[in-house]
Amino acid sequence: VQVMESGGGLVQPGGSLTLSCAASGNQFMINAMGWYRQVPGEQRELVAEILNRSIRKYGDGAKGRFTISVASAENTISLQMNGLKSEDTGVYYCQVVENGLYTYWGEGTQVTVSS
């Protein structure tokens, strides 16, 4: 499974960004797709994920501001981030879980929130 991310960049506080993630492979074998954020010296933490194409989970910092959704293209998700704060800065990685056993990661996309 290959994982391809797009949509990072520099945005001012209060602004918005949309991240997209597309995965190759059989859509019926992919159980979950989601986004994690990592900052230097810390572990990756959950931002948002979709389980079985319908169950949405959000990290505490994302609730009420971010929305994860399944896109129309096969094996593609989007993360709409509104009201961005400086603490949202980090590298955002897309995670794909196949058959509940195998985990794949993208290379990451940088999101910087700064004035």
PDB file of N, CA and C in Angstrom:
ATOM      1  N   VAL A   1       0.848  -1.195   0.000  1.00  0.00           N
ATOM      2  CA  VAL A   1       0.000   0.000   0.000  1.00  0.00           C
ATOM      3  C   VAL A   1       0.880   1.241   0.000  1.00  0.00           C
ATOM      4  N   GLN A   2       0.612   2.117  -0.927  1.00  0.00           N
ATOM      5  CA  GLN A   2       1.317   3.405  -0.949  1.00  0.00           C
ATOM      6  C   GLN A   2       0.379   4.482  -0.440  1.00  0.00           C
ATOM      7  N   VAL A   3       0.944   5.407   0.323  1.00  0.00           N
ATOM      8  CA  VAL A   3       0.154   6.460   0.956  1.00  0.00           C
ATOM      9  C   VAL A   3       0.680   7.805   0.472  1.00  0.00           C
ATOM     10  N   MET A   4      -0.197   8.624  -0.069  1.00  0.00           N
ATOM     11  CA  MET A   4       0.214   9.900  -0.645  1.00  0.00           C
ATOM     12  C   MET A   4      -0.568  11.037   0.001  1.00  0.00           C
ATOM     13  N   GLU A   5       0.169  11.991   0.567  1.00  0.00           N
ATOM     14  CA  GLU A   5      -0.440  13.123   1.269  1.00  0.00           C
ATOM     15  C   GLU A   5      -0.250  14.398   0.476  1.00  0.00           C
ATOM     16  N   SER A   6      -1.149  15.342   0.691  1.00  0.00           N
ATOM     17  CA  SER A   6      -1.013  16.656   0.066  1.00  0.00           C
ATOM     18  C   SER A   6      -1.778  17.671   0.884  1.00  0.00           C
ATOM     19  N   GLY A   7      -1.429  18.958   0.696  1.00  0.00           N
ATOM     20  CA  GLY A   7      -2.216  20.038   1.263  1.00  0.00           C
ATOM     21  C   GLY A   7      -1.608  20.804   2.403  1.00  0.00           C
ATOM     22  N   GLY A   8      -0.415  20.457   2.850  1.00  0.00           N
ATOM     23  CA  GLY A   8       0.187  21.221   3.925  1.00  0.00           C
ATOM     24  C   GLY A   8       0.631  22.588   3.467  1.00  0.00           C
ATOM     25  N   GLY A   9       1.139  23.395   4.414  1.00  0.00           N
ATOM     26  CA  GLY A   9       1.628  24.707   4.061  1.00  0.00           C
ATOM     27  C   GLY A   9       1.666  25.643   5.245  1.00  0.00           C
ATOM     28  N   LEU A  10       1.846  26.919   4.941  1.00  0.00           N
ATOM     29  CA  LEU A  10       1.920  27.972   5.950  1.00  0.00           C
ATOM     30  C   LEU A  10       0.592  28.725   5.970  1.00  0.00           C
ATOM     31  N   VAL A  11       0.054  28.920   7.150  1.00  0.00           N
ATOM     32  CA  VAL A  11      -1.215  29.626   7.288  1.00  0.00           C
ATOM     33  C   VAL A  11      -1.171  30.484   8.539  1.00  0.00           C
ATOM     34  N   GLN A  12      -1.896  31.584   8.533  1.00  0.00           N
ATOM     35  CA  GLN A  12      -1.942  32.457   9.694  1.00  0.00           C
ATOM     36  C   GLN A  12      -2.897  31.901  10.744  1.00  0.00           C
ATOM     37  N   PRO A  13      -2.697  32.247  11.995  1.00  0.00           N
ATOM     38  CA  PRO A  13      -3.633  31.811  13.038  1.00  0.00           C
ATOM     39  C   PRO A  13      -5.055  32.218  12.683  1.00  0.00           C
ATOM     40  N   GLY A  14      -5.974  31.282  12.911  1.00  0.00           N
ATOM     41  CA  GLY A  14      -7.366  31.507  12.553  1.00  0.00           C
ATOM     42  C   GLY A  14      -7.724  31.071  11.151  1.00  0.00           C
ATOM     43  N   GLY A  15      -6.731  30.735  10.363  1.00  0.00           N
ATOM     44  CA  GLY A  15      -6.956  30.339   8.982  1.00  0.00           C
ATOM     45  C   GLY A  15      -7.348  28.880   8.851  1.00  0.00           C
ATOM     46  N   SER A  16      -7.449  28.432   7.597  1.00  0.00           N
ATOM     47  CA  SER A  16      -7.896  27.071   7.307  1.00  0.00           C
ATOM     48  C   SER A  16      -6.958  26.397   6.316  1.00  0.00           C
ATOM     49  N   LEU A  17      -6.903  25.090   6.410  1.00  0.00           N
ATOM     50  CA  LEU A  17      -6.181  24.255   5.455  1.00  0.00           C
ATOM     51  C   LEU A  17      -6.944  22.955   5.285  1.00  0.00           C
ATOM     52  N   THR A  18      -6.781  22.350   4.110  1.00  0.00           N
ATOM     53  CA  THR A  18      -7.352  21.027   3.881  1.00  0.00           C
ATOM     54  C   THR A  18      -6.235  20.073   3.481  1.00  0.00           C
ATOM     55  N   LEU A  19      -6.134  18.980   4.199  1.00  0.00           N
ATOM     56  CA  LEU A  19      -5.181  17.929   3.875  1.00  0.00           C
ATOM     57  C   LEU A  19      -5.914  16.777   3.192  1.00  0.00           C
ATOM     58  N   SER A  20      -5.239  16.152   2.239  1.00  0.00           N
ATOM     59  CA  SER A  20      -5.810  14.991   1.559  1.00  0.00           C
ATOM     60  C   SER A  20      -4.836  13.832   1.625  1.00  0.00           C
ATOM     61  N   CYS A  21      -5.394  12.637   1.673  1.00  0.00           N
ATOM     62  CA  CYS A  21      -4.582  11.423   1.715  1.00  0.00           C
ATOM     63  C   CYS A  21      -5.223  10.392   0.812  1.00  0.00           C
ATOM     64  N   ALA A  22      -4.427   9.817  -0.067  1.00  0.00           N
ATOM     65  CA  ALA A  22      -4.899   8.771  -0.961  1.00  0.00           C
ATOM     66  C   ALA A  22      -4.029   7.540  -0.785  1.00  0.00           C
ATOM     67  N   ALA A  23      -4.664   6.387  -0.754  1.00  0.00           N
ATOM     68  CA  ALA A  23      -3.946   5.130  -0.574  1.00  0.00           C
ATOM     69  C   ALA A  23      -4.232   4.198  -1.738  1.00  0.00           C
ATOM     70  N   SER A  24      -3.191   3.487  -2.171  1.00  0.00           N
ATOM     71  CA  SER A  24      -3.389   2.458  -3.182  1.00  0.00           C
ATOM     72  C   SER A  24      -3.924   1.211  -2.493  1.00  0.00           C
ATOM     73  N   GLY A  25      -4.273   0.200  -3.243  1.00  0.00           N
ATOM     74  CA  GLY A  25      -4.714  -1.044  -2.633  1.00  0.00           C
ATOM     75  C   GLY A  25      -6.205  -1.258  -2.711  1.00  0.00           C
ATOM     76  N   ASN A  26      -6.632  -2.391  -2.204  1.00  0.00           N
ATOM     77  CA  ASN A  26      -8.027  -2.818  -2.274  1.00  0.00           C
ATOM     78  C   ASN A  26      -8.848  -2.110  -1.198  1.00  0.00           C
ATOM     79  N   GLN A  27      -9.849  -1.362  -1.595  1.00  0.00           N
ATOM     80  CA  GLN A  27     -10.631  -0.578  -0.638  1.00  0.00           C
ATOM     81  C   GLN A  27     -11.342  -1.461   0.368  1.00  0.00           C
ATOM     82  N   PHE A  28     -11.621  -2.694   0.026  1.00  0.00           N
ATOM     83  CA  PHE A  28     -12.338  -3.575   0.933  1.00  0.00           C
ATOM     84  C   PHE A  28     -11.426  -4.158   2.000  1.00  0.00           C
ATOM     85  N   MET A  29     -10.131  -3.944   1.868  1.00  0.00           N
ATOM     86  CA  MET A  29      -9.186  -4.439   2.841  1.00  0.00           C
ATOM     87  C   MET A  29      -8.692  -3.343   3.774  1.00  0.00           C
ATOM     88  N   ILE A  30      -9.013  -2.105   3.478  1.00  0.00           N
ATOM     89  CA  ILE A  30      -8.570  -0.995   4.319  1.00  0.00           C
ATOM     90  C   ILE A  30      -9.617  -0.734   5.394  1.00  0.00           C
ATOM     91  N   ASN A  31      -9.217  -0.877   6.651  1.00  0.00           N
ATOM     92  CA  ASN A  31     -10.121  -0.731   7.781  1.00  0.00           C
ATOM     93  C   ASN A  31     -10.196   0.691   8.310  1.00  0.00           C
ATOM     94  N   ALA A  32      -9.077   1.403   8.223  1.00  0.00           N
ATOM     95  CA  ALA A  32      -9.029   2.715   8.834  1.00  0.00           C
ATOM     96  C   ALA A  32      -8.034   3.594   8.098  1.00  0.00           C
ATOM     97  N   MET A  33      -8.340   4.877   8.081  1.00  0.00           N
ATOM     98  CA  MET A  33      -7.420   5.897   7.571  1.00  0.00           C
ATOM     99  C   MET A  33      -7.519   7.100   8.494  1.00  0.00           C
ATOM    100  N   GLY A  34      -6.381   7.730   8.724  1.00  0.00           N
ATOM    101  CA  GLY A  34      -6.428   8.861   9.630  1.00  0.00           C
ATOM    102  C   GLY A  34      -5.195   9.730   9.557  1.00  0.00           C
ATOM    103  N   TRP A  35      -5.195  10.756  10.377  1.00  0.00           N
ATOM    104  CA  TRP A  35      -4.102  11.732  10.422  1.00  0.00           C
ATOM    105  C   TRP A  35      -3.518  11.804  11.836  1.00  0.00           C
ATOM    106  N   TYR A  36      -2.202  11.852  11.902  1.00  0.00           N
ATOM    107  CA  TYR A  36      -1.461  12.023  13.143  1.00  0.00           C
ATOM    108  C   TYR A  36      -0.530  13.213  12.980  1.00  0.00           C
ATOM    109  N   ARG A  37      -0.269  13.908  14.062  1.00  0.00           N
ATOM    110  CA  ARG A  37       0.665  15.041  14.056  1.00  0.00           C
ATOM    111  C   ARG A  37       1.857  14.722  14.941  1.00  0.00           C
ATOM    112  N   GLN A  38       3.007  15.167  14.475  1.00  0.00           N
ATOM    113  CA  GLN A  38       4.227  14.975  15.253  1.00  0.00           C
ATOM    114  C   GLN A  38       5.026  16.268  15.273  1.00  0.00           C
ATOM    115  N   VAL A  39       5.520  16.608  16.452  1.00  0.00           N
ATOM    116  CA  VAL A  39       6.441  17.727  16.606  1.00  0.00           C
ATOM    117  C   VAL A  39       7.749  17.179  17.133  1.00  0.00           C
ATOM    118  N   PRO A  40       8.832  17.900  16.930  1.00  0.00           N
ATOM    119  CA  PRO A  40      10.146  17.386  17.332  1.00  0.00           C
ATOM    120  C   PRO A  40      10.200  16.994  18.805  1.00  0.00           C
ATOM    121  N   GLY A  41      10.732  15.821  19.066  1.00  0.00           N
ATOM    122  CA  GLY A  41      10.907  15.360  20.430  1.00  0.00           C
ATOM    123  C   GLY A  41       9.683  14.717  21.054  1.00  0.00           C
ATOM    124  N   GLU A  42       8.601  14.631  20.296  1.00  0.00           N
ATOM    125  CA  GLU A  42       7.385  14.046  20.843  1.00  0.00           C
ATOM    126  C   GLU A  42       6.879  12.934  19.936  1.00  0.00           C
ATOM    127  N   GLN A  43       6.019  12.086  20.515  1.00  0.00           N
ATOM    128  CA  GLN A  43       5.434  11.006  19.741  1.00  0.00           C
ATOM    129  C   GLN A  43       4.310  11.541  18.850  1.00  0.00           C
ATOM    130  N   ARG A  44       4.003  10.772  17.837  1.00  0.00           N
ATOM    131  CA  ARG A  44       2.870  11.127  16.997  1.00  0.00           C
ATOM    132  C   ARG A  44       1.592  10.998  17.803  1.00  0.00           C
ATOM    133  N   GLU A  45       0.705  11.944  17.586  1.00  0.00           N
ATOM    134  CA  GLU A  45      -0.565  11.902  18.299  1.00  0.00           C
ATOM    135  C   GLU A  45      -1.718  11.975  17.298  1.00  0.00           C
ATOM    136  N   LEU A  46      -2.805  11.325  17.670  1.00  0.00           N
ATOM    137  CA  LEU A  46      -3.964  11.271  16.796  1.00  0.00           C
ATOM    138  C   LEU A  46      -4.578  12.657  16.626  1.00  0.00           C
ATOM    139  N   VAL A  47      -4.850  12.996  15.372  1.00  0.00           N
ATOM    140  CA  VAL A  47      -5.622  14.180  15.069  1.00  0.00           C
ATOM    141  C   VAL A  47      -7.072  13.758  14.770  1.00  0.00           C
ATOM    142  N   ALA A  48      -7.221  12.858  13.800  1.00  0.00           N
ATOM    143  CA  ALA A  48      -8.557  12.368  13.444  1.00  0.00           C
ATOM    144  C   ALA A  48      -8.415  11.103  12.610  1.00  0.00           C
ATOM    145  N   GLU A  49      -9.388  10.226  12.708  1.00  0.00           N
ATOM    146  CA  GLU A  49      -9.371   9.013  11.900  1.00  0.00           C
ATOM    147  C   GLU A  49     -10.783   8.558  11.587  1.00  0.00           C
ATOM    148  N   ILE A  50     -10.908   7.783  10.518  1.00  0.00           N
ATOM    149  CA  ILE A  50     -12.182   7.175  10.136  1.00  0.00           C
ATOM    150  C   ILE A  50     -11.987   5.663  10.170  1.00  0.00           C
ATOM    151  N   LEU A  51     -12.877   4.984  10.874  1.00  0.00           N
ATOM    152  CA  LEU A  51     -12.840   3.538  10.977  1.00  0.00           C
ATOM    153  C   LEU A  51     -13.963   2.950  10.137  1.00  0.00           C
ATOM    154  N   ASN A  52     -13.644   1.953   9.359  1.00  0.00           N
ATOM    155  CA  ASN A  52     -14.650   1.267   8.530  1.00  0.00           C
ATOM    156  C   ASN A  52     -15.503   2.247   7.728  1.00  0.00           C
ATOM    157  N   ARG A  53     -14.885   3.296   7.257  1.00  0.00           N
ATOM    158  CA  ARG A  53     -15.483   4.305   6.370  1.00  0.00           C
ATOM    159  C   ARG A  53     -16.638   5.072   6.978  1.00  0.00           C
ATOM    160  N   SER A  54     -16.868   4.919   8.304  1.00  0.00           N
ATOM    161  CA  SER A  54     -18.021   5.619   8.873  1.00  0.00           C
ATOM    162  C   SER A  54     -17.816   6.143  10.286  1.00  0.00           C
ATOM    163  N   ILE A  55     -17.003   5.494  11.092  1.00  0.00           N
ATOM    164  CA  ILE A  55     -16.835   5.909  12.487  1.00  0.00           C
ATOM    165  C   ILE A  55     -15.691   6.905  12.562  1.00  0.00           C
ATOM    166  N   ARG A  56     -15.989   8.090  13.078  1.00  0.00           N
ATOM    167  CA  ARG A  56     -14.996   9.152  13.165  1.00  0.00           C
ATOM    168  C   ARG A  56     -14.521   9.326  14.599  1.00  0.00           C
ATOM    169  N   LYS A  57     -13.222   9.454  14.756  1.00  0.00           N
ATOM    170  CA  LYS A  57     -12.620   9.720  16.054  1.00  0.00           C
ATOM    171  C   LYS A  57     -11.715  10.939  15.917  1.00  0.00           C
ATOM    172  N   TYR A  58     -11.709  11.790  16.959  1.00  0.00           N
ATOM    173  CA  TYR A  58     -10.900  12.994  16.942  1.00  0.00           C
ATOM    174  C   TYR A  58     -10.050  13.070  18.198  1.00  0.00           C
ATOM    175  N   GLY A  59      -8.833  13.593  18.038  1.00  0.00           N
ATOM    176  CA  GLY A  59      -8.034  13.927  19.188  1.00  0.00           C
ATOM    177  C   GLY A  59      -8.633  15.145  19.871  1.00  0.00           C
ATOM    178  N   ASP A  60      -8.274  15.333  21.135  1.00  0.00           N
ATOM    179  CA  ASP A  60      -8.890  16.413  21.915  1.00  0.00           C
ATOM    180  C   ASP A  60      -8.698  17.782  21.267  1.00  0.00           C
ATOM    181  N   GLY A  61      -7.542  18.011  20.698  1.00  0.00           N
ATOM    182  CA  GLY A  61      -7.261  19.319  20.114  1.00  0.00           C
ATOM    183  C   GLY A  61      -8.005  19.590  18.830  1.00  0.00           C
ATOM    184  N   ALA A  62      -8.515  18.546  18.191  1.00  0.00           N
ATOM    185  CA  ALA A  62      -9.179  18.694  16.908  1.00  0.00           C
ATOM    186  C   ALA A  62     -10.689  18.856  17.018  1.00  0.00           C
ATOM    187  N   LYS A  63     -11.234  18.444  18.129  1.00  0.00           N
ATOM    188  CA  LYS A  63     -12.693  18.451  18.279  1.00  0.00           C
ATOM    189  C   LYS A  63     -13.250  19.869  18.131  1.00  0.00           C
ATOM    190  N   GLY A  64     -14.275  19.956  17.294  1.00  0.00           N
ATOM    191  CA  GLY A  64     -14.939  21.238  17.087  1.00  0.00           C
ATOM    192  C   GLY A  64     -14.294  22.131  16.051  1.00  0.00           C
ATOM    193  N   ARG A  65     -13.069  21.814  15.636  1.00  0.00           N
ATOM    194  CA  ARG A  65     -12.387  22.657  14.651  1.00  0.00           C
ATOM    195  C   ARG A  65     -12.055  21.905  13.369  1.00  0.00           C
ATOM    196  N   PHE A  66     -11.769  20.624  13.471  1.00  0.00           N
ATOM    197  CA  PHE A  66     -11.359  19.826  12.318  1.00  0.00           C
ATOM    198  C   PHE A  66     -12.462  18.845  11.947  1.00  0.00           C
ATOM    199  N   THR A  67     -12.544  18.538  10.652  1.00  0.00           N
ATOM    200  CA  THR A  67     -13.518  17.561  10.177  1.00  0.00           C
ATOM    201  C   THR A  67     -12.835  16.598   9.223  1.00  0.00           C
ATOM    202  N   ILE A  68     -12.944  15.309   9.517  1.00  0.00           N
ATOM    203  CA  ILE A  68     -12.388  14.295   8.626  1.00  0.00           C
ATOM    204  C   ILE A  68     -13.526  13.684   7.826  1.00  0.00           C
ATOM    205  N   SER A  69     -13.273  13.437   6.554  1.00  0.00           N
ATOM    206  CA  SER A  69     -14.329  12.896   5.710  1.00  0.00           C
ATOM    207  C   SER A  69     -13.744  11.972   4.655  1.00  0.00           C
ATOM    208  N   VAL A  70     -14.613  11.104   4.148  1.00  0.00           N
ATOM    209  CA  VAL A  70     -14.246  10.214   3.054  1.00  0.00           C
ATOM    210  C   VAL A  70     -14.538  10.943   1.750  1.00  0.00           C
ATOM    211  N   ALA A  71     -13.534  11.014   0.886  1.00  0.00           N
ATOM    212  CA  ALA A  71     -13.722  11.692  -0.391  1.00  0.00           C
ATOM    213  C   ALA A  71     -14.352  10.743  -1.399  1.00  0.00           C
ATOM    214  N   SER A  72     -14.785  11.301  -2.510  1.00  0.00           N
ATOM    215  CA  SER A  72     -15.454  10.485  -3.513  1.00  0.00           C
ATOM    216  C   SER A  72     -14.492   9.517  -4.195  1.00  0.00           C
ATOM    217  N   ALA A  73     -13.247   9.896  -4.316  1.00  0.00           N
ATOM    218  CA  ALA A  73     -12.260   9.002  -4.928  1.00  0.00           C
ATOM    219  C   ALA A  73     -11.984   7.831  -3.994  1.00  0.00           C
ATOM    220  N   GLU A  74     -11.695   6.701  -4.556  1.00  0.00           N
ATOM    221  CA  GLU A  74     -11.461   5.479  -3.775  1.00  0.00           C
ATOM    222  C   GLU A  74     -10.259   5.641  -2.857  1.00  0.00           C
ATOM    223  N   ASN A  75     -10.436   5.184  -1.628  1.00  0.00           N
ATOM    224  CA  ASN A  75      -9.339   5.185  -0.648  1.00  0.00           C
ATOM    225  C   ASN A  75      -8.741   6.578  -0.437  1.00  0.00           C
ATOM    226  N   THR A  76      -9.590   7.576  -0.385  1.00  0.00           N
ATOM    227  CA  THR A  76      -9.120   8.941  -0.187  1.00  0.00           C
ATOM    228  C   THR A  76      -9.904   9.607   0.945  1.00  0.00           C
ATOM    229  N   ILE A  77      -9.171  10.282   1.809  1.00  0.00           N
ATOM    230  CA  ILE A  77      -9.814  11.036   2.882  1.00  0.00           C
ATOM    231  C   ILE A  77      -9.318  12.467   2.858  1.00  0.00           C
ATOM    232  N   SER A  78     -10.110  13.339   3.463  1.00  0.00           N
ATOM    233  CA  SER A  78      -9.735  14.737   3.594  1.00  0.00           C
ATOM    234  C   SER A  78      -9.864  15.161   5.047  1.00  0.00           C
ATOM    235  N   LEU A  79      -9.024  16.105   5.437  1.00  0.00           N
ATOM    236  CA  LEU A  79      -9.081  16.690   6.767  1.00  0.00           C
ATOM    237  C   LEU A  79      -9.207  18.198   6.600  1.00  0.00           C
ATOM    238  N   GLN A  80     -10.382  18.724   6.928  1.00  0.00           N
ATOM    239  CA  GLN A  80     -10.617  20.154   6.870  1.00  0.00           C
ATOM    240  C   GLN A  80     -10.269  20.737   8.233  1.00  0.00           C
ATOM    241  N   MET A  81      -9.308  21.653   8.264  1.00  0.00           N
ATOM    242  CA  MET A  81      -8.848  22.248   9.515  1.00  0.00           C
ATOM    243  C   MET A  81      -9.198  23.731   9.514  1.00  0.00           C
ATOM    244  N   ASN A  82     -10.044  24.113  10.458  1.00  0.00           N
ATOM    245  CA  ASN A  82     -10.457  25.505  10.595  1.00  0.00           C
ATOM    246  C   ASN A  82      -9.999  26.058  11.934  1.00  0.00           C
ATOM    247  N   GLY A  83      -9.925  27.378  12.023  1.00  0.00           N
ATOM    248  CA  GLY A  83      -9.533  28.001  13.280  1.00  0.00           C
ATOM    249  C   GLY A  83      -8.171  27.545  13.754  1.00  0.00           C
ATOM    250  N   LEU A  84      -7.219  27.481  12.836  1.00  0.00           N
ATOM    251  CA  LEU A  84      -5.910  26.931  13.177  1.00  0.00           C
ATOM    252  C   LEU A  84      -5.179  27.785  14.197  1.00  0.00           C
ATOM    253  N   LYS A  85      -4.452  27.094  15.083  1.00  0.00           N
ATOM    254  CA  LYS A  85      -3.695  27.720  16.148  1.00  0.00           C
ATOM    255  C   LYS A  85      -2.221  27.372  15.992  1.00  0.00           C
ATOM    256  N   SER A  86      -1.363  28.126  16.645  1.00  0.00           N
ATOM    257  CA  SER A  86       0.067  27.860  16.552  1.00  0.00           C
ATOM    258  C   SER A  86       0.399  26.451  17.037  1.00  0.00           C
ATOM    259  N   GLU A  87      -0.347  25.965  18.014  1.00  0.00           N
ATOM    260  CA  GLU A  87      -0.077  24.616  18.532  1.00  0.00           C
ATOM    261  C   GLU A  87      -0.479  23.505  17.580  1.00  0.00           C
ATOM    262  N   ASP A  88      -1.129  23.847  16.471  1.00  0.00           N
ATOM    263  CA  ASP A  88      -1.429  22.851  15.447  1.00  0.00           C
ATOM    264  C   ASP A  88      -0.237  22.620  14.513  1.00  0.00           C
ATOM    265  N   THR A  89       0.787  23.416  14.665  1.00  0.00           N
ATOM    266  CA  THR A  89       1.979  23.277  13.835  1.00  0.00           C
ATOM    267  C   THR A  89       2.626  21.911  14.047  1.00  0.00           C
ATOM    268  N   GLY A  90       3.055  21.304  12.969  1.00  0.00           N
ATOM    269  CA  GLY A  90       3.745  20.022  13.040  1.00  0.00           C
ATOM    270  C   GLY A  90       3.737  19.334  11.695  1.00  0.00           C
ATOM    271  N   VAL A  91       4.299  18.149  11.676  1.00  0.00           N
ATOM    272  CA  VAL A  91       4.245  17.320  10.476  1.00  0.00           C
ATOM    273  C   VAL A  91       3.038  16.395  10.613  1.00  0.00           C
ATOM    274  N   TYR A  92       2.205  16.406   9.627  1.00  0.00           N
ATOM    275  CA  TYR A  92       0.986  15.594   9.632  1.00  0.00           C
ATOM    276  C   TYR A  92       1.212  14.360   8.766  1.00  0.00           C
ATOM    277  N   TYR A  93       1.003  13.211   9.379  1.00  0.00           N
ATOM    278  CA  TYR A  93       1.205  11.928   8.694  1.00  0.00           C
ATOM    279  C   TYR A  93      -0.140  11.236   8.505  1.00  0.00           C
ATOM    280  N   CYS A  94      -0.338  10.672   7.325  1.00  0.00           N
ATOM    281  CA  CYS A  94      -1.515   9.866   7.073  1.00  0.00           C
ATOM    282  C   CYS A  94      -1.207   8.414   7.392  1.00  0.00           C
ATOM    283  N   GLN A  95      -2.114   7.774   8.115  1.00  0.00           N
ATOM    284  CA  GLN A  95      -1.968   6.365   8.467  1.00  0.00           C
ATOM    285  C   GLN A  95      -3.068   5.562   7.789  1.00  0.00           C
ATOM    286  N   VAL A  96      -2.685   4.406   7.264  1.00  0.00           N
ATOM    287  CA  VAL A  96      -3.645   3.495   6.642  1.00  0.00           C
ATOM    288  C   VAL A  96      -3.497   2.132   7.308  1.00  0.00           C
ATOM    289  N   VAL A  97      -4.606   1.556   7.716  1.00  0.00           N
ATOM    290  CA  VAL A  97      -4.590   0.227   8.334  1.00  0.00           C
ATOM    291  C   VAL A  97      -5.309  -0.748   7.416  1.00  0.00           C
ATOM    292  N   GLU A  98      -4.648  -1.854   7.118  1.00  0.00           N
ATOM    293  CA  GLU A  98      -5.168  -2.861   6.205  1.00  0.00           C
ATOM    294  C   GLU A  98      -5.430  -4.153   6.960  1.00  0.00           C
ATOM    295  N   ASN A  99      -6.638  -4.670   6.803  1.00  0.00           N
ATOM    296  CA  ASN A  99      -7.005  -5.934   7.444  1.00  0.00           C
ATOM    297  C   ASN A  99      -6.806  -5.927   8.954  1.00  0.00           C
ATOM    298  N   GLY A 100      -6.790  -4.784   9.555  1.00  0.00           N
ATOM    299  CA  GLY A 100      -6.609  -4.693  10.996  1.00  0.00           C
ATOM    300  C   GLY A 100      -5.244  -5.127  11.484  1.00  0.00           C
ATOM    301  N   LEU A 101      -4.337  -5.382  10.550  1.00  0.00           N
ATOM    302  CA  LEU A 101      -3.030  -5.925  10.918  1.00  0.00           C
ATOM    303  C   LEU A 101      -1.866  -5.060  10.461  1.00  0.00           C
ATOM    304  N   TYR A 102      -1.976  -4.529   9.280  1.00  0.00           N
ATOM    305  CA  TYR A 102      -0.827  -3.862   8.671  1.00  0.00           C
ATOM    306  C   TYR A 102      -1.050  -2.350   8.659  1.00  0.00           C
ATOM    307  N   THR A 103      -0.029  -1.632   9.108  1.00  0.00           N
ATOM    308  CA  THR A 103      -0.107  -0.181   9.186  1.00  0.00           C
ATOM    309  C   THR A 103       0.892   0.442   8.222  1.00  0.00           C
ATOM    310  N   TYR A 104       0.419   1.400   7.457  1.00  0.00           N
ATOM    311  CA  TYR A 104       1.261   2.101   6.495  1.00  0.00           C
ATOM    312  C   TYR A 104       1.193   3.595   6.774  1.00  0.00           C
ATOM    313  N   TRP A 105       2.323   4.265   6.532  1.00  0.00           N
ATOM    314  CA  TRP A 105       2.403   5.696   6.766  1.00  0.00           C
ATOM    315  C   TRP A 105       2.838   6.416   5.513  1.00  0.00           C
ATOM    316  N   GLY A 106       2.345   7.636   5.343  1.00  0.00           N
ATOM    317  CA  GLY A 106       2.872   8.501   4.312  1.00  0.00           C
ATOM    318  C   GLY A 106       4.146   9.167   4.793  1.00  0.00           C
ATOM    319  N   GLU A 107       4.725   9.981   3.924  1.00  0.00           N
ATOM    320  CA  GLU A 107       5.987  10.637   4.258  1.00  0.00           C
ATOM    321  C   GLU A 107       5.787  11.884   5.122  1.00  0.00           C
ATOM    322  N   GLY A 108       4.559  12.345   5.231  1.00  0.00           N
ATOM    323  CA  GLY A 108       4.269  13.505   6.059  1.00  0.00           C
ATOM    324  C   GLY A 108       4.202  14.793   5.269  1.00  0.00           C
ATOM    325  N   THR A 109       3.397  15.721   5.765  1.00  0.00           N
ATOM    326  CA  THR A 109       3.295  17.037   5.150  1.00  0.00           C
ATOM    327  C   THR A 109       3.328  18.093   6.259  1.00  0.00           C
ATOM    328  N   GLN A 110       4.133  19.120   6.055  1.00  0.00           N
ATOM    329  CA  GLN A 110       4.336  20.134   7.084  1.00  0.00           C
ATOM    330  C   GLN A 110       3.177  21.122   7.109  1.00  0.00           C
ATOM    331  N   VAL A 111       2.679  21.362   8.309  1.00  0.00           N
ATOM    332  CA  VAL A 111       1.690  22.423   8.535  1.00  0.00           C
ATOM    333  C   VAL A 111       2.295  23.401   9.525  1.00  0.00           C
ATOM    334  N   THR A 112       2.370  24.661   9.132  1.00  0.00           N
ATOM    335  CA  THR A 112       2.919  25.697   9.992  1.00  0.00           C
ATOM    336  C   THR A 112       1.887  26.792  10.158  1.00  0.00           C
ATOM    337  N   VAL A 113       1.547  27.059  11.409  1.00  0.00           N
ATOM    338  CA  VAL A 113       0.583  28.118  11.719  1.00  0.00           C
ATOM    339  C   VAL A 113       1.347  29.244  12.396  1.00  0.00           C
ATOM    340  N   SER A 114       1.478  30.352  11.683  1.00  0.00           N
ATOM    341  CA  SER A 114       2.295  31.448  12.189  1.00  0.00           C
ATOM    342  C   SER A 114       1.901  32.738  11.505  1.00  0.00           C
ATOM    343  N   SER A 115       2.031  33.825  12.248  1.00  0.00           N
ATOM    344  CA  SER A 115       1.761  35.131  11.658  1.00  0.00           C
ATOM    345  C   SER A 115       3.052  35.727  11.108  1.00  0.00           C
TER     346      SER A 115
END
